[in-house]
């Protein structure tokens, strides 16, 4: 700009470089940042973490950087001592998504414990297992299959799984953040009860505090108190009011 050569637009009072601002927006706008998928943005995040974290904290949002898994994401700050306006909205995963997540997490844990470098699944095996937990009241078999396929597609978009070939997915380390070990055990207990009880109980819906990819709004998703995955954040986006 004429009066300030460092300004990016008229009236710009920001102090961050353009590339760092884009990383900040990416963190706010999307569910998470993966080092493997976005190496340049990951490097900028680490180099300018203090500045980015400071601006998120100004919004009562916490930045979480998991170096071991190469994942960064945000969490809504909640406090009983301070009046915190909620920026990130809560929303639960659907029942079908929860069931798929439990299966993926179980496979990932089994394969990594066995020393396998990467855990992979076929869509048919996911579908076959998850469908056993549906009942006649959950609609027709065709509608149940659609729900499972839709859940798989969403988790693929979110980066929890990655389609390597048609119908073949690699399970990424993000699954450990979405469903930690304690949550997995609780959901597995519920599944065991469902298969043994004559009248299946209604499951708690697993969730994440989540924010959308490519959206005008910012949102977050969480689980009920009884079942709480660690990661903040994705359902249909809605603009902030």
C-alpha atoms as a PDB file:
ATOM      1  CA  UNK A   1       0.000   0.000   0.000  1.00  0.00           C
ATOM      2  CA  UNK A   2       1.115   3.596  -0.596  1.00  0.00           C
ATOM      3  CA  UNK A   3       1.477   4.616   3.074  1.00  0.00           C
ATOM      4  CA  UNK A   4       2.600   1.252   4.430  1.00  0.00           C
ATOM      5  CA  UNK A   5       4.562  -1.008   2.088  1.00  0.00           C
ATOM      6  CA  UNK A   6       4.089  -3.961   4.477  1.00  0.00           C
ATOM      7  CA  UNK A   7       0.289  -3.727   4.477  1.00  0.00           C
ATOM      8  CA  UNK A   8      -1.480  -6.475   2.545  1.00  0.00           C
ATOM      9  CA  UNK A   9      -4.689  -4.502   2.030  1.00  0.00           C
ATOM     10  CA  UNK A  10      -6.148  -1.083   2.788  1.00  0.00           C
ATOM     11  CA  UNK A  11      -6.399  -0.514   6.519  1.00  0.00           C
ATOM     12  CA  UNK A  12      -4.281  -3.580   7.329  1.00  0.00           C
ATOM     13  CA  UNK A  13      -3.111  -3.484  10.955  1.00  0.00           C
ATOM     14  CA  UNK A  14      -1.890  -7.068  11.076  1.00  0.00           C
ATOM     15  CA  UNK A  15       1.728  -7.858  11.877  1.00  0.00           C
ATOM     16  CA  UNK A  16       2.031 -11.412  10.569  1.00  0.00           C
ATOM     17  CA  UNK A  17       3.512 -12.190   7.182  1.00  0.00           C
ATOM     18  CA  UNK A  18       1.046 -13.287   4.536  1.00  0.00           C
ATOM     19  CA  UNK A  19       2.120 -16.949   4.600  1.00  0.00           C
ATOM     20  CA  UNK A  20       1.788 -17.114   8.391  1.00  0.00           C
ATOM     21  CA  UNK A  21      -1.671 -15.537   8.226  1.00  0.00           C
ATOM     22  CA  UNK A  22      -2.714 -18.242   5.775  1.00  0.00           C
ATOM     23  CA  UNK A  23      -1.598 -20.941   8.186  1.00  0.00           C
ATOM     24  CA  UNK A  24      -3.580 -19.260  10.974  1.00  0.00           C
ATOM     25  CA  UNK A  25      -6.665 -19.183   8.763  1.00  0.00           C
ATOM     26  CA  UNK A  26      -6.098 -22.827   7.827  1.00  0.00           C
ATOM     27  CA  UNK A  27      -6.031 -23.810  11.492  1.00  0.00           C
ATOM     28  CA  UNK A  28      -9.239 -21.874  12.172  1.00  0.00           C
ATOM     29  CA  UNK A  29     -10.979 -22.953   9.009  1.00  0.00           C
ATOM     30  CA  UNK A  30     -10.235 -26.645   8.906  1.00  0.00           C
ATOM     31  CA  UNK A  31     -10.282 -29.552  11.243  1.00  0.00           C
ATOM     32  CA  UNK A  32      -6.568 -30.219  11.415  1.00  0.00           C
ATOM     33  CA  UNK A  33      -3.223 -29.719   9.715  1.00  0.00           C
ATOM     34  CA  UNK A  34      -1.184 -32.765   8.696  1.00  0.00           C
ATOM     35  CA  UNK A  35       2.590 -32.538   8.345  1.00  0.00           C
ATOM     36  CA  UNK A  36       2.611 -35.244   5.679  1.00  0.00           C
ATOM     37  CA  UNK A  37      -0.073 -33.621   3.539  1.00  0.00           C
ATOM     38  CA  UNK A  38       1.007 -29.976   4.031  1.00  0.00           C
ATOM     39  CA  UNK A  39       4.762 -29.874   4.752  1.00  0.00           C
ATOM     40  CA  UNK A  40       5.184 -26.178   3.937  1.00  0.00           C
ATOM     41  CA  UNK A  41       2.329 -25.079   6.187  1.00  0.00           C
ATOM     42  CA  UNK A  42       3.553 -27.451   8.909  1.00  0.00           C
ATOM     43  CA  UNK A  43       7.023 -25.893   8.794  1.00  0.00           C
ATOM     44  CA  UNK A  44       5.555 -22.387   9.017  1.00  0.00           C
ATOM     45  CA  UNK A  45       3.369 -23.445  11.925  1.00  0.00           C
ATOM     46  CA  UNK A  46       6.348 -24.726  13.886  1.00  0.00           C
ATOM     47  CA  UNK A  47       8.492 -21.701  13.038  1.00  0.00           C
ATOM     48  CA  UNK A  48       5.781 -19.211  14.029  1.00  0.00           C
ATOM     49  CA  UNK A  49       3.916 -21.279  16.601  1.00  0.00           C
ATOM     50  CA  UNK A  50       4.107 -18.664  19.348  1.00  0.00           C
ATOM     51  CA  UNK A  51       2.548 -15.937  17.186  1.00  0.00           C
ATOM     52  CA  UNK A  52      -0.166 -18.221  15.810  1.00  0.00           C
ATOM     53  CA  UNK A  53      -0.918 -19.660  19.233  1.00  0.00           C
ATOM     54  CA  UNK A  54      -1.166 -16.174  20.728  1.00  0.00           C
ATOM     55  CA  UNK A  55      -3.807 -15.131  18.223  1.00  0.00           C
ATOM     56  CA  UNK A  56      -5.804 -18.308  18.775  1.00  0.00           C
ATOM     57  CA  UNK A  57      -5.632 -17.803  22.534  1.00  0.00           C
ATOM     58  CA  UNK A  58      -7.061 -14.311  22.042  1.00  0.00           C
ATOM     59  CA  UNK A  59     -10.143 -16.113  20.694  1.00  0.00           C
ATOM     60  CA  UNK A  60     -10.213 -18.563  23.641  1.00  0.00           C
ATOM     61  CA  UNK A  61      -8.999 -21.330  21.344  1.00  0.00           C
ATOM     62  CA  UNK A  62      -6.130 -23.660  22.228  1.00  0.00           C
ATOM     63  CA  UNK A  63      -3.619 -24.983  19.673  1.00  0.00           C
ATOM     64  CA  UNK A  64      -2.571 -28.611  20.008  1.00  0.00           C
ATOM     65  CA  UNK A  65       0.529 -29.803  18.130  1.00  0.00           C
ATOM     66  CA  UNK A  66       1.217 -33.546  18.155  1.00  0.00           C
ATOM     67  CA  UNK A  67       4.780 -33.834  16.864  1.00  0.00           C
ATOM     68  CA  UNK A  68       4.861 -37.626  17.049  1.00  0.00           C
ATOM     69  CA  UNK A  69       1.855 -38.018  14.743  1.00  0.00           C
ATOM     70  CA  UNK A  70       2.475 -34.873  12.720  1.00  0.00           C
ATOM     71  CA  UNK A  71      -0.948 -33.418  13.467  1.00  0.00           C
ATOM     72  CA  UNK A  72      -2.036 -29.970  14.645  1.00  0.00           C
ATOM     73  CA  UNK A  73      -5.574 -29.013  15.606  1.00  0.00           C
ATOM     74  CA  UNK A  74      -7.499 -26.624  17.811  1.00  0.00           C
ATOM     75  CA  UNK A  75      -9.632 -26.993  20.915  1.00  0.00           C
ATOM     76  CA  UNK A  76     -12.248 -24.712  22.392  1.00  0.00           C
ATOM     77  CA  UNK A  77     -11.162 -23.376  25.767  1.00  0.00           C
ATOM     78  CA  UNK A  78     -13.763 -24.028  28.456  1.00  0.00           C
ATOM     79  CA  UNK A  79     -13.470 -22.695  31.979  1.00  0.00           C
ATOM     80  CA  UNK A  80     -15.593 -22.456  35.118  1.00  0.00           C
ATOM     81  CA  UNK A  81     -13.522 -19.506  36.286  1.00  0.00           C
ATOM     82  CA  UNK A  82     -13.634 -17.277  33.209  1.00  0.00           C
ATOM     83  CA  UNK A  83     -16.592 -16.256  31.060  1.00  0.00           C
ATOM     84  CA  UNK A  84     -15.567 -17.834  27.736  1.00  0.00           C
ATOM     85  CA  UNK A  85     -17.594 -17.107  24.594  1.00  0.00           C
ATOM     86  CA  UNK A  86     -17.823 -20.287  22.542  1.00  0.00           C
ATOM     87  CA  UNK A  87     -16.461 -19.934  19.012  1.00  0.00           C
ATOM     88  CA  UNK A  88     -16.330 -23.601  18.020  1.00  0.00           C
ATOM     89  CA  UNK A  89     -19.663 -25.373  17.913  1.00  0.00           C
ATOM     90  CA  UNK A  90     -20.375 -28.872  19.211  1.00  0.00           C
ATOM     91  CA  UNK A  91     -21.691 -31.671  17.050  1.00  0.00           C
ATOM     92  CA  UNK A  92     -21.615 -35.449  17.409  1.00  0.00           C
ATOM     93  CA  UNK A  93     -20.634 -38.093  14.902  1.00  0.00           C
ATOM     94  CA  UNK A  94     -23.537 -40.128  13.568  1.00  0.00           C
ATOM     95  CA  UNK A  95     -24.089 -43.681  14.770  1.00  0.00           C
ATOM     96  CA  UNK A  96     -22.757 -45.141  11.512  1.00  0.00           C
ATOM     97  CA  UNK A  97     -19.650 -42.941  11.671  1.00  0.00           C
ATOM     98  CA  UNK A  98     -19.067 -43.966  15.273  1.00  0.00           C
ATOM     99  CA  UNK A  99     -19.288 -47.658  14.404  1.00  0.00           C
ATOM    100  CA  UNK A 100     -16.877 -47.252  11.491  1.00  0.00           C
ATOM    101  CA  UNK A 101     -14.452 -45.309  13.694  1.00  0.00           C
ATOM    102  CA  UNK A 102     -14.503 -48.048  16.326  1.00  0.00           C
ATOM    103  CA  UNK A 103     -13.711 -50.701  13.721  1.00  0.00           C
ATOM    104  CA  UNK A 104     -10.916 -48.627  12.175  1.00  0.00           C
ATOM    105  CA  UNK A 105      -9.398 -47.888  15.569  1.00  0.00           C
ATOM    106  CA  UNK A 106      -9.549 -51.570  16.539  1.00  0.00           C
ATOM    107  CA  UNK A 107      -7.787 -52.625  13.330  1.00  0.00           C
ATOM    108  CA  UNK A 108      -5.182 -49.870  13.708  1.00  0.00           C
ATOM    109  CA  UNK A 109      -4.425 -50.922  17.277  1.00  0.00           C
ATOM    110  CA  UNK A 110      -4.176 -54.590  16.334  1.00  0.00           C
ATOM    111  CA  UNK A 111      -1.888 -53.993  13.367  1.00  0.00           C
ATOM    112  CA  UNK A 112       0.424 -51.526  15.098  1.00  0.00           C
ATOM    113  CA  UNK A 113       0.707 -53.792  18.127  1.00  0.00           C
ATOM    114  CA  UNK A 114       1.733 -56.596  15.776  1.00  0.00           C
ATOM    115  CA  UNK A 115       4.448 -54.366  14.347  1.00  0.00           C
ATOM    116  CA  UNK A 116       2.795 -53.695  10.984  1.00  0.00           C
ATOM    117  CA  UNK A 117       4.041 -50.444   9.437  1.00  0.00           C
ATOM    118  CA  UNK A 118       0.620 -49.393   8.142  1.00  0.00           C
ATOM    119  CA  UNK A 119      -2.891 -50.611   8.859  1.00  0.00           C
ATOM    120  CA  UNK A 120      -5.191 -51.072   5.874  1.00  0.00           C
ATOM    121  CA  UNK A 121      -8.791 -52.118   5.366  1.00  0.00           C
ATOM    122  CA  UNK A 122     -11.085 -52.919   2.469  1.00  0.00           C
ATOM    123  CA  UNK A 123     -14.460 -51.235   2.272  1.00  0.00           C
ATOM    124  CA  UNK A 124     -16.162 -54.638   2.107  1.00  0.00           C
ATOM    125  CA  UNK A 125     -14.680 -55.795   5.418  1.00  0.00           C
ATOM    126  CA  UNK A 126     -15.618 -52.527   7.123  1.00  0.00           C
ATOM    127  CA  UNK A 127     -19.143 -52.789   5.788  1.00  0.00           C
ATOM    128  CA  UNK A 128     -19.492 -56.458   6.702  1.00  0.00           C
ATOM    129  CA  UNK A 129     -18.456 -55.857  10.319  1.00  0.00           C
ATOM    130  CA  UNK A 130     -20.345 -52.622  10.924  1.00  0.00           C
ATOM    131  CA  UNK A 131     -23.595 -53.924   9.464  1.00  0.00           C
ATOM    132  CA  UNK A 132     -23.736 -56.607  12.176  1.00  0.00           C
ATOM    133  CA  UNK A 133     -24.462 -53.847  14.695  1.00  0.00           C
ATOM    134  CA  UNK A 134     -27.494 -52.528  12.838  1.00  0.00           C
ATOM    135  CA  UNK A 135     -30.987 -53.796  13.609  1.00  0.00           C
ATOM    136  CA  UNK A 136     -34.183 -53.978  11.578  1.00  0.00           C
ATOM    137  CA  UNK A 137     -35.266 -50.663  13.091  1.00  0.00           C
ATOM    138  CA  UNK A 138     -32.270 -48.998  11.407  1.00  0.00           C
ATOM    139  CA  UNK A 139     -33.876 -49.232   7.979  1.00  0.00           C
ATOM    140  CA  UNK A 140     -33.337 -51.499   5.025  1.00  0.00           C
ATOM    141  CA  UNK A 141     -30.043 -53.220   4.370  1.00  0.00           C
ATOM    142  CA  UNK A 142     -29.529 -50.933   1.371  1.00  0.00           C
ATOM    143  CA  UNK A 143     -29.966 -47.801   3.508  1.00  0.00           C
ATOM    144  CA  UNK A 144     -27.606 -49.230   6.131  1.00  0.00           C
ATOM    145  CA  UNK A 145     -24.982 -49.893   3.466  1.00  0.00           C
ATOM    146  CA  UNK A 146     -25.356 -46.333   2.191  1.00  0.00           C
ATOM    147  CA  UNK A 147     -24.877 -44.998   5.727  1.00  0.00           C
ATOM    148  CA  UNK A 148     -21.655 -46.994   6.117  1.00  0.00           C
ATOM    149  CA  UNK A 149     -20.322 -45.934   2.705  1.00  0.00           C
ATOM    150  CA  UNK A 150     -21.175 -42.305   3.480  1.00  0.00           C
ATOM    151  CA  UNK A 151     -19.340 -42.558   6.795  1.00  0.00           C
ATOM    152  CA  UNK A 152     -16.273 -44.017   5.077  1.00  0.00           C
ATOM    153  CA  UNK A 153     -16.322 -41.247   2.471  1.00  0.00           C
ATOM    154  CA  UNK A 154     -16.437 -38.570   5.159  1.00  0.00           C
ATOM    155  CA  UNK A 155     -13.582 -40.069   7.144  1.00  0.00           C
ATOM    156  CA  UNK A 156     -11.594 -40.223   3.915  1.00  0.00           C
ATOM    157  CA  UNK A 157     -12.224 -36.516   3.309  1.00  0.00           C
ATOM    158  CA  UNK A 158     -11.153 -35.717   6.844  1.00  0.00           C
ATOM    159  CA  UNK A 159      -7.858 -37.563   6.461  1.00  0.00           C
ATOM    160  CA  UNK A 160      -8.549 -40.251   9.047  1.00  0.00           C
ATOM    161  CA  UNK A 161      -8.267 -42.801   6.257  1.00  0.00           C
ATOM    162  CA  UNK A 162      -6.761 -42.483   2.790  1.00  0.00           C
ATOM    163  CA  UNK A 163      -7.925 -44.372  -0.271  1.00  0.00           C
ATOM    164  CA  UNK A 164      -4.858 -45.919  -1.889  1.00  0.00           C
ATOM    165  CA  UNK A 165      -6.743 -47.889  -4.511  1.00  0.00           C
ATOM    166  CA  UNK A 166     -10.421 -48.396  -5.214  1.00  0.00           C
ATOM    167  CA  UNK A 167     -12.049 -49.645  -2.022  1.00  0.00           C
ATOM    168  CA  UNK A 168      -8.702 -50.028  -0.218  1.00  0.00           C
ATOM    169  CA  UNK A 169      -7.856 -47.585   2.597  1.00  0.00           C
ATOM    170  CA  UNK A 170      -4.851 -46.856   4.762  1.00  0.00           C
ATOM    171  CA  UNK A 171      -5.726 -45.896   8.353  1.00  0.00           C
ATOM    172  CA  UNK A 172      -3.764 -42.848   9.462  1.00  0.00           C
ATOM    173  CA  UNK A 173      -2.450 -42.076  12.965  1.00  0.00           C
ATOM    174  CA  UNK A 174      -5.161 -39.440  13.361  1.00  0.00           C
ATOM    175  CA  UNK A 175      -7.503 -42.272  14.368  1.00  0.00           C
ATOM    176  CA  UNK A 176      -5.655 -42.452  17.716  1.00  0.00           C
ATOM    177  CA  UNK A 177      -6.536 -38.828  18.395  1.00  0.00           C
ATOM    178  CA  UNK A 178     -10.162 -39.086  17.304  1.00  0.00           C
ATOM    179  CA  UNK A 179     -10.671 -42.193  19.457  1.00  0.00           C
ATOM    180  CA  UNK A 180      -8.243 -42.522  22.326  1.00  0.00           C
ATOM    181  CA  UNK A 181      -7.754 -45.860  24.073  1.00  0.00           C
ATOM    182  CA  UNK A 182     -10.186 -45.117  26.915  1.00  0.00           C
ATOM    183  CA  UNK A 183     -12.957 -44.087  24.521  1.00  0.00           C
ATOM    184  CA  UNK A 184     -12.333 -47.132  22.355  1.00  0.00           C
ATOM    185  CA  UNK A 185     -12.700 -49.447  25.344  1.00  0.00           C
ATOM    186  CA  UNK A 186     -15.954 -47.789  26.372  1.00  0.00           C
ATOM    187  CA  UNK A 187     -17.422 -48.078  22.910  1.00  0.00           C
ATOM    188  CA  UNK A 188     -16.269 -51.679  22.613  1.00  0.00           C
ATOM    189  CA  UNK A 189     -18.051 -52.467  25.882  1.00  0.00           C
ATOM    190  CA  UNK A 190     -21.200 -50.909  24.492  1.00  0.00           C
ATOM    191  CA  UNK A 191     -20.912 -53.029  21.339  1.00  0.00           C
ATOM    192  CA  UNK A 192     -20.494 -56.177  23.411  1.00  0.00           C
ATOM    193  CA  UNK A 193     -23.594 -55.299  25.416  1.00  0.00           C
ATOM    194  CA  UNK A 194     -25.514 -54.606  22.237  1.00  0.00           C
ATOM    195  CA  UNK A 195     -24.764 -58.018  20.817  1.00  0.00           C
ATOM    196  CA  UNK A 196     -25.717 -59.850  24.028  1.00  0.00           C
ATOM    197  CA  UNK A 197     -28.768 -57.882  25.170  1.00  0.00           C
ATOM    198  CA  UNK A 198     -32.165 -58.779  23.799  1.00  0.00           C
ATOM    199  CA  UNK A 199     -33.038 -55.108  23.534  1.00  0.00           C
ATOM    200  CA  UNK A 200     -29.980 -53.171  22.342  1.00  0.00           C
ATOM    201  CA  UNK A 201     -29.316 -49.955  24.262  1.00  0.00           C
ATOM    202  CA  UNK A 202     -28.980 -46.670  22.432  1.00  0.00           C
ATOM    203  CA  UNK A 203     -25.278 -45.942  21.940  1.00  0.00           C
ATOM    204  CA  UNK A 204     -23.641 -42.716  22.945  1.00  0.00           C
ATOM    205  CA  UNK A 205     -22.571 -40.970  19.769  1.00  0.00           C
ATOM    206  CA  UNK A 206     -18.844 -40.554  19.523  1.00  0.00           C
ATOM    207  CA  UNK A 207     -17.752 -37.159  18.370  1.00  0.00           C
ATOM    208  CA  UNK A 208     -14.987 -34.667  17.963  1.00  0.00           C
ATOM    209  CA  UNK A 209     -14.813 -30.956  18.476  1.00  0.00           C
ATOM    210  CA  UNK A 210     -14.472 -30.228  14.850  1.00  0.00           C
ATOM    211  CA  UNK A 211     -14.168 -27.414  12.392  1.00  0.00           C
ATOM    212  CA  UNK A 212     -15.003 -27.643   8.701  1.00  0.00           C
ATOM    213  CA  UNK A 213     -12.781 -27.760   5.698  1.00  0.00           C
ATOM    214  CA  UNK A 214     -13.367 -24.932   3.235  1.00  0.00           C
ATOM    215  CA  UNK A 215     -16.208 -23.102   4.976  1.00  0.00           C
ATOM    216  CA  UNK A 216     -17.140 -19.591   5.887  1.00  0.00           C
ATOM    217  CA  UNK A 217     -18.002 -20.582   9.435  1.00  0.00           C
ATOM    218  CA  UNK A 218     -16.047 -22.169  12.227  1.00  0.00           C
ATOM    219  CA  UNK A 219     -17.351 -25.165  14.112  1.00  0.00           C
ATOM    220  CA  UNK A 220     -16.292 -27.844  16.542  1.00  0.00           C
ATOM    221  CA  UNK A 221     -17.741 -31.188  17.508  1.00  0.00           C
ATOM    222  CA  UNK A 222     -17.672 -32.992  20.843  1.00  0.00           C
ATOM    223  CA  UNK A 223     -19.000 -36.173  22.359  1.00  0.00           C
ATOM    224  CA  UNK A 224     -21.396 -36.658  25.240  1.00  0.00           C
ATOM    225  CA  UNK A 225     -19.669 -36.684  28.619  1.00  0.00           C
ATOM    226  CA  UNK A 226     -19.747 -40.479  28.709  1.00  0.00           C
ATOM    227  CA  UNK A 227     -17.929 -40.903  25.397  1.00  0.00           C
ATOM    228  CA  UNK A 228     -15.427 -38.174  24.577  1.00  0.00           C
ATOM    229  CA  UNK A 229     -12.929 -38.517  21.741  1.00  0.00           C
ATOM    230  CA  UNK A 230      -9.999 -36.164  22.082  1.00  0.00           C
ATOM    231  CA  UNK A 231     -10.012 -34.312  18.789  1.00  0.00           C
ATOM    232  CA  UNK A 232     -12.045 -31.115  18.372  1.00  0.00           C
ATOM    233  CA  UNK A 233     -14.191 -31.036  15.366  1.00  0.00           C
ATOM    234  CA  UNK A 234     -17.374 -32.375  11.070  1.00  0.00           C
ATOM    235  CA  UNK A 235     -20.826 -32.286   9.903  1.00  0.00           C
ATOM    236  CA  UNK A 236     -22.507 -29.817   7.649  1.00  0.00           C
ATOM    237  CA  UNK A 237     -21.105 -26.364   8.090  1.00  0.00           C
ATOM    238  CA  UNK A 238     -23.076 -23.352   9.239  1.00  0.00           C
ATOM    239  CA  UNK A 239     -21.902 -19.748   9.343  1.00  0.00           C
ATOM    240  CA  UNK A 240     -21.267 -18.064  12.672  1.00  0.00           C
ATOM    241  CA  UNK A 241     -24.181 -16.045  13.955  1.00  0.00           C
END
